[in-house]
């Protein structure tokens, strides 16, 4: 009975092919930035839902987009 953004993670045992639930987190996943960048106002949808406003389906997605994420460390001697 989850409502709202949730991250559900599973793991598979390669030997037995059993799938186990690892964790459930009530939050947006890390890839939500890609959806927002493609035109889905997910935080706005969530807020509208909370406020009892009707969410309308939009089909104005930006197609053919690519998102690249990386971490870069910077070091400086002090």
N, C-alpha and C. Protein backbone atom coordinates (compact mmCIF):
# COMPACT_ATOMS: atom_id res chain seq x y z
N UNK A 1 0.82 -1.20 0.00
CA UNK A 1 0.00 0.00 0.00
C UNK A 1 0.86 1.26 0.00
N UNK A 2 1.97 1.21 -0.75
CA UNK A 2 2.83 2.38 -0.84
C UNK A 2 2.14 3.47 -1.65
N UNK A 3 2.36 4.68 -1.25
CA UNK A 3 1.87 5.82 -2.00
C UNK A 3 2.98 6.85 -2.04
N UNK A 4 3.29 7.33 -3.23
CA UNK A 4 4.38 8.28 -3.38
C UNK A 4 5.64 7.59 -3.86
N UNK A 5 6.71 8.36 -3.99
CA UNK A 5 7.95 7.80 -4.51
C UNK A 5 8.54 6.79 -3.53
N UNK A 6 9.00 5.68 -4.07
CA UNK A 6 9.62 4.64 -3.25
C UNK A 6 10.71 3.96 -4.04
N UNK A 7 11.76 3.60 -3.36
CA UNK A 7 12.85 2.82 -3.96
C UNK A 7 12.78 1.43 -3.32
N UNK A 8 12.60 0.43 -4.15
CA UNK A 8 12.52 -0.95 -3.67
C UNK A 8 13.68 -1.71 -4.30
N UNK A 9 14.52 -2.30 -3.47
CA UNK A 9 15.72 -2.98 -3.97
C UNK A 9 15.67 -4.46 -3.64
N UNK A 10 16.04 -5.26 -4.64
CA UNK A 10 16.09 -6.70 -4.51
C UNK A 10 17.50 -7.18 -4.84
N UNK A 11 17.80 -8.40 -4.43
CA UNK A 11 19.06 -9.03 -4.79
C UNK A 11 18.75 -10.47 -5.19
N UNK A 12 19.48 -10.95 -6.18
CA UNK A 12 19.27 -12.31 -6.66
C UNK A 12 20.45 -13.19 -6.27
N UNK A 13 20.15 -14.36 -5.73
CA UNK A 13 21.18 -15.37 -5.45
C UNK A 13 21.48 -16.05 -6.78
N UNK A 14 22.68 -15.86 -7.29
CA UNK A 14 23.04 -16.39 -8.62
C UNK A 14 22.99 -17.91 -8.67
N UNK A 15 23.25 -18.56 -7.55
CA UNK A 15 23.24 -20.03 -7.54
C UNK A 15 21.81 -20.59 -7.58
N UNK A 16 20.95 -20.06 -6.74
CA UNK A 16 19.59 -20.59 -6.63
C UNK A 16 18.57 -19.79 -7.44
N UNK A 17 18.96 -18.63 -7.92
CA UNK A 17 18.10 -17.69 -8.63
C UNK A 17 16.93 -17.21 -7.76
N UNK A 18 17.06 -17.35 -6.45
CA UNK A 18 16.06 -16.79 -5.53
C UNK A 18 16.25 -15.28 -5.47
N UNK A 19 15.16 -14.57 -5.36
CA UNK A 19 15.19 -13.12 -5.27
C UNK A 19 14.75 -12.72 -3.86
N UNK A 20 15.55 -11.85 -3.25
CA UNK A 20 15.29 -11.41 -1.89
C UNK A 20 15.09 -9.91 -1.85
N UNK A 21 14.12 -9.49 -1.05
CA UNK A 21 13.91 -8.07 -0.82
C UNK A 21 15.01 -7.56 0.10
N UNK A 22 15.69 -6.50 -0.32
CA UNK A 22 16.76 -5.93 0.51
C UNK A 22 16.26 -4.76 1.34
N UNK A 23 15.59 -3.81 0.69
CA UNK A 23 15.13 -2.64 1.43
C UNK A 23 14.05 -1.89 0.66
N UNK A 24 13.26 -1.13 1.41
CA UNK A 24 12.24 -0.26 0.85
C UNK A 24 12.45 1.12 1.46
N UNK A 25 12.62 2.11 0.62
CA UNK A 25 12.87 3.47 1.10
C UNK A 25 11.83 4.43 0.50
N UNK A 26 11.14 5.19 1.34
CA UNK A 26 10.16 6.15 0.83
C UNK A 26 10.84 7.43 0.36
N UNK A 27 11.37 7.39 -0.86
CA UNK A 27 12.09 8.55 -1.39
C UNK A 27 12.17 8.42 -2.91
N UNK A 28 12.57 9.49 -3.55
CA UNK A 28 12.88 9.44 -4.98
C UNK A 28 14.19 8.71 -5.16
N UNK A 29 14.31 7.94 -6.21
CA UNK A 29 15.57 7.27 -6.53
C UNK A 29 16.53 8.23 -7.19
N UNK A 30 17.78 7.83 -7.29
CA UNK A 30 18.81 8.68 -7.86
C UNK A 30 18.59 9.07 -9.31
N UNK A 31 17.88 8.24 -10.06
CA UNK A 31 17.65 8.52 -11.48
C UNK A 31 16.48 9.47 -11.72
N UNK A 32 15.84 9.95 -10.65
CA UNK A 32 14.71 10.86 -10.81
C UNK A 32 15.13 12.13 -11.55
N UNK A 33 16.37 12.51 -11.42
CA UNK A 33 16.87 13.72 -12.10
C UNK A 33 16.70 13.59 -13.61
N UNK A 34 16.88 12.39 -14.14
CA UNK A 34 16.70 12.18 -15.58
C UNK A 34 15.24 12.41 -15.98
N UNK A 35 14.32 11.88 -15.19
CA UNK A 35 12.89 12.07 -15.48
C UNK A 35 12.51 13.54 -15.40
N UNK A 36 13.01 14.23 -14.39
CA UNK A 36 12.72 15.66 -14.25
C UNK A 36 13.30 16.44 -15.42
N UNK A 37 14.53 16.09 -15.81
CA UNK A 37 15.16 16.76 -16.94
C UNK A 37 14.44 16.53 -18.25
N UNK A 38 13.72 15.40 -18.35
CA UNK A 38 12.96 15.09 -19.57
C UNK A 38 11.55 15.67 -19.52
N UNK A 39 11.23 16.42 -18.47
CA UNK A 39 9.96 17.12 -18.44
C UNK A 39 8.95 16.64 -17.41
N UNK A 40 9.25 15.61 -16.65
CA UNK A 40 8.31 15.12 -15.64
C UNK A 40 8.55 15.88 -14.34
N UNK A 41 7.60 16.69 -13.95
CA UNK A 41 7.73 17.47 -12.72
C UNK A 41 7.29 16.60 -11.53
N UNK A 42 8.05 15.56 -11.24
CA UNK A 42 7.68 14.62 -10.19
C UNK A 42 7.52 15.27 -8.82
N UNK A 43 8.40 16.17 -8.40
CA UNK A 43 8.15 16.84 -7.12
C UNK A 43 6.84 17.64 -7.14
N UNK A 44 6.55 18.28 -8.26
CA UNK A 44 5.30 19.03 -8.38
C UNK A 44 4.08 18.11 -8.33
N UNK A 45 4.17 16.94 -8.99
CA UNK A 45 3.07 15.97 -8.95
C UNK A 45 2.83 15.51 -7.52
N UNK A 46 3.90 15.26 -6.80
CA UNK A 46 3.78 14.79 -5.42
C UNK A 46 3.14 15.88 -4.55
N UNK A 47 3.55 17.11 -4.73
CA UNK A 47 2.98 18.22 -3.97
C UNK A 47 1.50 18.41 -4.30
N UNK A 48 1.16 18.36 -5.59
CA UNK A 48 -0.24 18.48 -5.99
C UNK A 48 -1.08 17.37 -5.37
N UNK A 49 -0.55 16.15 -5.37
CA UNK A 49 -1.27 15.03 -4.78
C UNK A 49 -1.52 15.28 -3.29
N UNK A 50 -0.50 15.75 -2.61
CA UNK A 50 -0.61 16.04 -1.18
C UNK A 50 -1.67 17.12 -0.91
N UNK A 51 -1.72 18.12 -1.79
CA UNK A 51 -2.66 19.23 -1.63
C UNK A 51 -4.06 18.89 -2.15
N UNK A 52 -4.24 17.68 -2.67
CA UNK A 52 -5.55 17.26 -3.17
C UNK A 52 -5.87 17.78 -4.55
N UNK A 53 -4.87 18.29 -5.26
CA UNK A 53 -5.09 18.79 -6.62
C UNK A 53 -4.99 17.63 -7.60
N UNK A 54 -5.70 17.76 -8.71
CA UNK A 54 -5.68 16.71 -9.73
C UNK A 54 -4.38 16.79 -10.53
N UNK A 55 -3.73 15.66 -10.68
CA UNK A 55 -2.56 15.59 -11.55
C UNK A 55 -3.03 15.24 -12.95
N UNK A 56 -2.59 16.00 -13.91
CA UNK A 56 -2.98 15.76 -15.30
C UNK A 56 -1.81 15.13 -16.04
N UNK A 57 -2.14 14.18 -16.90
CA UNK A 57 -1.12 13.52 -17.69
C UNK A 57 -0.57 14.48 -18.74
N UNK A 58 0.73 14.55 -18.83
CA UNK A 58 1.40 15.37 -19.84
C UNK A 58 2.18 14.46 -20.77
N UNK A 59 2.14 14.73 -22.04
CA UNK A 59 2.91 13.93 -22.98
C UNK A 59 3.96 14.78 -23.71
N UNK A 60 4.38 15.85 -23.07
CA UNK A 60 5.35 16.76 -23.67
C UNK A 60 6.78 16.42 -23.23
N UNK A 61 7.07 15.14 -23.13
CA UNK A 61 8.41 14.70 -22.72
C UNK A 61 9.46 15.12 -23.74
N UNK A 62 10.65 15.37 -23.28
CA UNK A 62 11.78 15.65 -24.18
C UNK A 62 12.38 14.30 -24.55
N UNK A 63 12.17 13.89 -25.77
CA UNK A 63 12.64 12.57 -26.21
C UNK A 63 14.07 12.66 -26.73
N UNK A 64 14.79 11.57 -26.62
CA UNK A 64 16.16 11.52 -27.12
C UNK A 64 17.15 12.21 -26.22
N UNK A 65 16.82 12.35 -24.95
CA UNK A 65 17.74 13.00 -24.00
C UNK A 65 18.70 11.97 -23.41
N UNK A 66 19.82 12.45 -22.99
CA UNK A 66 20.81 11.60 -22.34
C UNK A 66 21.28 12.32 -21.09
N UNK A 67 21.31 11.59 -19.99
CA UNK A 67 21.82 12.14 -18.74
C UNK A 67 23.07 11.37 -18.37
N UNK A 68 24.09 12.08 -18.00
CA UNK A 68 25.34 11.45 -17.56
C UNK A 68 25.64 11.97 -16.16
N UNK A 69 25.90 11.04 -15.24
CA UNK A 69 26.26 11.43 -13.87
C UNK A 69 27.62 10.83 -13.55
N UNK A 70 28.39 11.59 -12.83
CA UNK A 70 29.68 11.07 -12.39
C UNK A 70 30.12 11.82 -11.14
N UNK A 71 31.00 11.20 -10.43
CA UNK A 71 31.58 11.83 -9.25
C UNK A 71 33.03 12.13 -9.55
N UNK A 72 33.46 13.28 -9.16
CA UNK A 72 34.86 13.64 -9.37
C UNK A 72 35.39 14.23 -8.08
N UNK A 73 36.50 13.72 -7.66
CA UNK A 73 37.12 14.22 -6.43
C UNK A 73 38.20 15.24 -6.79
N UNK A 74 38.32 16.22 -5.95
CA UNK A 74 39.38 17.24 -6.10
C UNK A 74 40.24 17.22 -4.84
N UNK A 75 41.53 17.22 -5.04
CA UNK A 75 42.46 17.24 -3.92
C UNK A 75 43.33 18.48 -4.02
N UNK A 76 43.62 19.06 -2.86
CA UNK A 76 44.48 20.23 -2.84
C UNK A 76 45.32 20.15 -1.57
N UNK A 77 46.62 20.32 -1.75
CA UNK A 77 47.50 20.33 -0.57
C UNK A 77 47.33 21.65 0.14
N UNK A 78 47.22 21.58 1.45
CA UNK A 78 47.08 22.83 2.22
C UNK A 78 48.22 22.97 3.21
